[in-house]
Amino acid sequence: MEITLLMTPIIGAIIGYCTNVLAVRMLFRPHRAMYIFGVRIPFTPGLIPKGQARLAAKLANVVGTHILTPELLTDKLVNSPLISQGAVEIKKAIRTNIPKISEYLRNLEYPRLDEEGPTLVKNLINEHVGKLAGMFLDPKKIYFSMKDGLLEYLSDEDNLLTIADKIDENIDKFCEDTEKKIPLISAFETVAEHVVQHIDIKAIIEDRVNAFAPEEAEKLVLSVIRRELHLIMALGGILGFVIGLAPVVMSIF
């Protein structure tokens, strides 16, 4: 009788642990639907693969509406060190030959910007979105969307003249006070707003999530929350043990 009582909490712990392990596994697996005689087996595919499209749409809406907002992107863009450093060179290029500057910019290579730009975007994503949600964003795609919007704006000679006028108003102060690094916001706010309009954050996230193979999505999520999932499994064993211990305590008293 005593052995039976002792076995009860142990069996409860095993059942609780195994149940939580199965529940966690069913979040991701099976990766694809399984069929018997043409009939889909219930609970296949796993919860996350089955709801991947809905997850993509929800994640895209949350990040695009509440986190990476156009206002945030505009602010970060106009205050970017790359923008400030490039202000002097842009001014020289614009004033040298306004009629030909549009064609010049369209054909100009930007090796440094193309190399550092995606990293800058990635850091922005990690800072304001977080690494987990950031895995569903494509820094390169966002950067090149911004670049395309910028080049489109700069291809208009009237826009270039406006930029040149505003830079003239601020460049002297900027050069005199390098410690404060006065941002040339007045010169680049309009440009930044135009650039941001070319970035469809929601579409980028949704395409990115939907492009993940179920196996890849599982690896990405586990790389971030593996420890928490193991704790959930252990908690199932602890709860099962406590529940199994209840009749033992009651029999004693």
Protein backbone atom coordinates (compact mmCIF):
# COMPACT_ATOMS: atom_id res chain seq x y z
CA MET A 1 0.00 0.00 0.00
CA GLU A 2 2.82 2.39 0.91
CA ILE A 3 4.60 1.65 -2.38
CA THR A 4 1.38 2.43 -4.26
CA LEU A 5 1.06 5.75 -2.45
CA LEU A 6 4.65 6.63 -3.23
CA MET A 7 4.21 5.75 -6.88
CA THR A 8 1.18 8.01 -7.27
CA PRO A 9 3.05 11.38 -7.20
CA ILE A 10 5.87 9.91 -9.34
CA ILE A 11 3.42 8.73 -11.98
CA GLY A 12 1.66 12.12 -11.76
CA ALA A 13 4.98 13.88 -12.36
CA ILE A 14 5.74 11.69 -15.39
CA ILE A 15 2.27 12.25 -16.85
CA GLY A 16 2.42 16.02 -16.24
CA TYR A 17 5.87 16.32 -17.77
CA CYS A 18 5.05 14.18 -20.81
CA THR A 19 1.79 16.08 -21.36
CA ASN A 20 3.57 19.43 -21.43
CA VAL A 21 6.33 18.05 -23.67
CA LEU A 22 3.67 16.83 -26.11
CA ALA A 23 1.86 20.19 -25.96
CA VAL A 24 5.08 22.11 -26.71
CA ARG A 25 5.97 19.75 -29.55
CA MET A 26 2.51 20.18 -31.04
CA LEU A 27 3.16 23.91 -31.34
CA PHE A 28 5.59 23.15 -34.18
CA ARG A 29 5.04 19.55 -35.25
CA PRO A 30 4.17 17.91 -37.43
CA HIS A 31 5.44 20.51 -39.85
CA ARG A 32 2.88 19.57 -42.48
CA ALA A 33 -0.58 18.05 -42.63
CA MET A 34 -0.75 14.25 -42.47
CA TYR A 35 -3.43 12.17 -44.16
CA ILE A 36 -4.84 8.67 -43.87
CA PHE A 37 -6.84 7.52 -46.87
CA GLY A 38 -7.21 11.11 -47.98
CA VAL A 39 -8.53 12.29 -44.59
CA ARG A 40 -6.42 14.79 -42.67
CA ILE A 41 -5.35 13.61 -39.24
CA PRO A 42 -6.58 16.02 -36.53
CA PHE A 43 -4.04 18.46 -35.07
CA THR A 44 -1.80 18.24 -38.14
CA PRO A 45 0.08 20.33 -39.01
CA GLY A 46 1.22 21.85 -35.70
CA LEU A 47 -0.36 25.00 -34.30
CA ILE A 48 2.27 27.44 -35.60
CA PRO A 49 2.66 25.95 -39.12
CA LYS A 50 -1.12 25.77 -39.45
CA GLY A 51 -1.61 29.40 -38.43
CA GLN A 52 1.48 30.76 -40.20
CA ALA A 53 -0.50 33.02 -42.53
CA ARG A 54 -2.59 34.45 -39.67
CA LEU A 55 0.53 34.91 -37.56
CA ALA A 56 2.23 36.75 -40.42
CA ALA A 57 -0.72 39.11 -40.85
CA LYS A 58 -1.05 39.81 -37.10
CA LEU A 59 2.68 40.34 -36.58
CA ALA A 60 2.88 42.61 -39.61
CA ASN A 61 -0.04 44.70 -38.37
CA VAL A 62 1.34 45.09 -34.83
CA VAL A 63 4.89 46.00 -35.88
CA GLY A 64 3.84 48.21 -38.79
CA THR A 65 1.17 50.07 -36.81
CA HIS A 66 2.62 50.38 -33.31
CA ILE A 67 6.39 49.79 -33.43
CA LEU A 68 8.11 50.71 -36.69
CA THR A 69 5.84 53.66 -37.38
CA PRO A 70 6.47 56.15 -40.21
CA GLU A 71 7.17 58.82 -37.58
CA LEU A 72 9.87 56.71 -35.93
CA LEU A 73 11.49 55.81 -39.24
CA THR A 74 11.49 59.45 -40.35
CA ASP A 75 13.05 60.61 -37.09
CA LYS A 76 15.77 57.96 -37.17
CA LEU A 77 16.51 58.60 -40.82
CA VAL A 78 16.93 62.37 -40.60
CA ASN A 79 19.14 62.01 -37.52
CA SER A 80 21.27 59.24 -39.01
CA PRO A 81 25.05 59.93 -38.92
CA LEU A 82 25.22 58.91 -42.57
CA ILE A 83 22.83 61.72 -43.47
CA SER A 84 24.81 64.32 -41.52
CA GLN A 85 28.16 63.16 -42.90
CA GLY A 86 26.85 63.20 -46.44
CA ALA A 87 25.34 66.69 -46.21
CA VAL A 88 28.50 68.54 -47.25
CA GLU A 89 29.13 66.26 -50.22
CA ILE A 90 25.53 66.52 -51.36
CA LYS A 91 25.68 70.31 -51.20
CA LYS A 92 28.81 70.40 -53.36
CA ALA A 93 27.36 68.00 -55.89
CA ILE A 94 24.06 69.87 -56.15
CA ARG A 95 25.60 73.30 -56.56
CA THR A 96 28.13 72.05 -59.11
CA ASN A 97 25.64 71.01 -61.72
CA ILE A 98 21.93 71.05 -60.91
CA PRO A 99 20.67 70.12 -64.42
CA LYS A 100 22.74 66.93 -64.53
CA ILE A 101 22.53 65.91 -60.87
CA SER A 102 19.44 63.73 -61.28
CA GLU A 103 21.08 61.53 -63.88
CA TYR A 104 24.27 61.52 -61.82
CA LEU A 105 22.49 60.24 -58.71
CA ARG A 106 20.57 57.58 -60.61
CA ASN A 107 23.79 56.12 -62.03
CA LEU A 108 26.03 56.67 -59.02
CA GLU A 109 27.26 53.63 -57.08
CA TYR A 110 26.87 53.66 -53.30
CA PRO A 111 29.16 50.87 -52.03
CA ARG A 112 29.58 52.26 -48.51
CA LEU A 113 25.91 53.02 -48.04
CA ASP A 114 24.90 49.65 -49.47
CA GLU A 115 27.31 47.97 -47.07
CA GLU A 116 26.45 49.90 -43.90
CA GLY A 117 22.80 50.69 -44.60
CA PRO A 118 21.33 47.22 -43.89
CA THR A 119 23.34 47.07 -40.63
CA LEU A 120 21.95 50.43 -39.56
CA VAL A 121 18.42 49.22 -40.30
CA LYS A 122 19.07 45.95 -38.44
CA ASN A 123 20.26 47.83 -35.34
CA LEU A 124 17.17 50.02 -35.48
CA ILE A 125 14.96 46.94 -35.67
CA ASN A 126 16.70 45.23 -32.73
CA GLU A 127 16.45 48.40 -30.64
CA HIS A 128 12.78 49.16 -31.23
CA VAL A 129 11.26 45.81 -32.17
CA GLY A 130 13.34 43.18 -30.40
CA LYS A 131 15.32 40.25 -31.71
CA LEU A 132 12.39 37.81 -31.87
CA ALA A 133 10.10 40.00 -33.97
CA GLY A 134 13.17 41.34 -35.79
CA MET A 135 13.78 37.89 -37.22
CA PHE A 136 10.70 38.37 -39.37
CA LEU A 137 12.01 41.60 -40.91
CA ASP A 138 14.43 41.85 -43.81
CA PRO A 139 16.93 44.72 -43.17
CA LYS A 140 18.26 44.61 -46.74
CA LYS A 141 14.81 44.85 -48.27
CA ILE A 142 13.89 47.76 -45.99
CA TYR A 143 17.16 49.56 -46.74
CA PHE A 144 16.86 49.23 -50.52
CA SER A 145 13.22 50.36 -50.35
CA MET A 146 14.43 53.50 -48.56
CA LYS A 147 17.22 53.95 -51.09
CA ASP A 148 14.83 53.66 -54.05
CA GLY A 149 12.52 56.25 -52.50
CA LEU A 150 15.43 58.61 -51.85
CA LEU A 151 16.74 58.35 -55.40
CA GLU A 152 13.27 58.93 -56.79
CA TYR A 153 12.93 62.09 -54.73
CA LEU A 154 16.39 63.35 -55.69
CA SER A 155 15.74 62.79 -59.37
CA ASP A 156 13.45 65.83 -59.36
CA GLU A 157 15.47 69.01 -59.96
CA ASP A 158 13.00 71.15 -58.01
CA ASN A 159 13.49 68.93 -54.97
CA LEU A 160 17.26 69.24 -55.34
CA LEU A 161 17.06 73.03 -55.42
CA THR A 162 14.92 73.01 -52.27
CA ILE A 163 17.44 70.79 -50.52
CA ALA A 164 20.32 73.01 -51.61
CA ASP A 165 18.61 76.13 -50.24
CA LYS A 166 17.91 74.50 -46.89
CA ILE A 167 21.41 73.09 -46.59
CA ASP A 168 22.87 76.56 -47.24
CA GLU A 169 20.84 77.87 -44.30
CA ASN A 170 22.23 75.29 -41.89
CA ILE A 171 25.58 74.04 -43.13
CA ASP A 172 27.63 76.91 -41.65
CA LYS A 173 26.22 76.32 -38.17
CA PHE A 174 26.79 72.60 -38.58
CA CYS A 175 30.45 73.09 -39.52
CA GLU A 176 31.09 75.59 -36.69
CA ASP A 177 29.60 73.37 -33.96
CA THR A 178 30.77 69.85 -34.74
CA GLU A 179 30.41 68.71 -31.09
CA LYS A 180 26.68 69.27 -31.06
CA LYS A 181 26.34 67.71 -34.52
CA ILE A 182 23.37 69.90 -35.42
CA PRO A 183 21.19 67.68 -37.62
CA LEU A 184 20.10 69.17 -40.92
CA ILE A 185 16.52 68.23 -40.22
CA SER A 186 15.05 71.11 -42.17
CA ALA A 187 16.88 69.90 -45.25
CA PHE A 188 16.02 66.24 -44.96
CA GLU A 189 12.61 65.99 -43.27
CA THR A 190 10.73 66.16 -46.55
CA VAL A 191 13.13 63.72 -48.16
CA ALA A 192 12.81 61.29 -45.25
CA GLU A 193 9.03 61.41 -45.33
CA HIS A 194 9.10 60.63 -49.05
CA VAL A 195 11.54 57.75 -48.48
CA VAL A 196 9.48 56.24 -45.68
CA GLN A 197 6.42 56.14 -47.93
CA HIS A 198 8.28 53.60 -50.07
CA ILE A 199 8.73 51.19 -47.15
CA ASP A 200 5.79 48.85 -46.73
CA ILE A 201 6.77 47.38 -43.37
CA LYS A 202 3.61 45.29 -43.12
CA ALA A 203 4.14 43.67 -46.51
CA ILE A 204 7.81 43.03 -45.80
CA ILE A 205 7.05 41.28 -42.50
CA GLU A 206 4.16 39.28 -43.91
CA ASP A 207 6.21 38.09 -46.90
CA ARG A 208 9.12 37.24 -44.63
CA VAL A 209 7.05 35.16 -42.21
CA ASN A 210 5.18 33.33 -44.96
CA ALA A 211 8.48 32.52 -46.67
CA PHE A 212 9.78 30.64 -43.64
CA ALA A 213 9.74 26.86 -43.96
CA PRO A 214 8.15 25.28 -40.84
CA GLU A 215 11.50 23.73 -39.89
CA GLU A 216 13.24 27.09 -40.14
CA ALA A 217 10.54 28.85 -38.12
CA GLU A 218 10.86 26.23 -35.38
CA LYS A 219 14.63 26.71 -35.17
CA LEU A 220 14.30 30.49 -34.99
CA VAL A 221 11.69 30.48 -32.24
CA LEU A 222 13.49 27.81 -30.21
CA SER A 223 16.74 29.75 -30.45
CA VAL A 224 15.05 32.55 -28.50
CA ILE A 225 12.66 30.80 -26.07
CA ARG A 226 14.12 27.30 -25.69
CA ARG A 227 14.83 27.87 -21.98
CA GLU A 228 11.29 29.07 -21.30
CA LEU A 229 9.79 26.06 -23.09
CA HIS A 230 11.92 23.69 -21.02
CA LEU A 231 10.68 25.43 -17.88
CA ILE A 232 7.10 24.88 -19.03
CA MET A 233 7.83 21.18 -19.50
CA ALA A 234 9.40 20.97 -16.03
CA LEU A 235 6.44 22.82 -14.54
CA GLY A 236 4.14 20.11 -15.89
CA GLY A 237 6.15 17.51 -13.99
CA ILE A 238 6.08 19.56 -10.80
CA LEU A 239 2.32 20.11 -10.99
CA GLY A 240 1.76 16.43 -11.74
CA PHE A 241 3.84 15.49 -8.71
CA VAL A 242 1.93 17.89 -6.44
CA ILE A 243 -1.44 16.64 -7.68
CA GLY A 244 -0.32 13.02 -7.23
CA LEU A 245 0.91 13.86 -3.74
CA ALA A 246 -2.51 15.11 -2.66
CA PRO A 247 -4.12 11.67 -2.10
CA VAL A 248 -1.00 10.53 -0.22
CA VAL A 249 -1.31 13.46 2.19
CA MET A 250 -5.03 12.88 2.59
CA SER A 251 -4.52 9.19 3.39
CA ILE A 252 -2.03 10.09 6.10
CA PHE A 253 -4.33 12.53 7.80
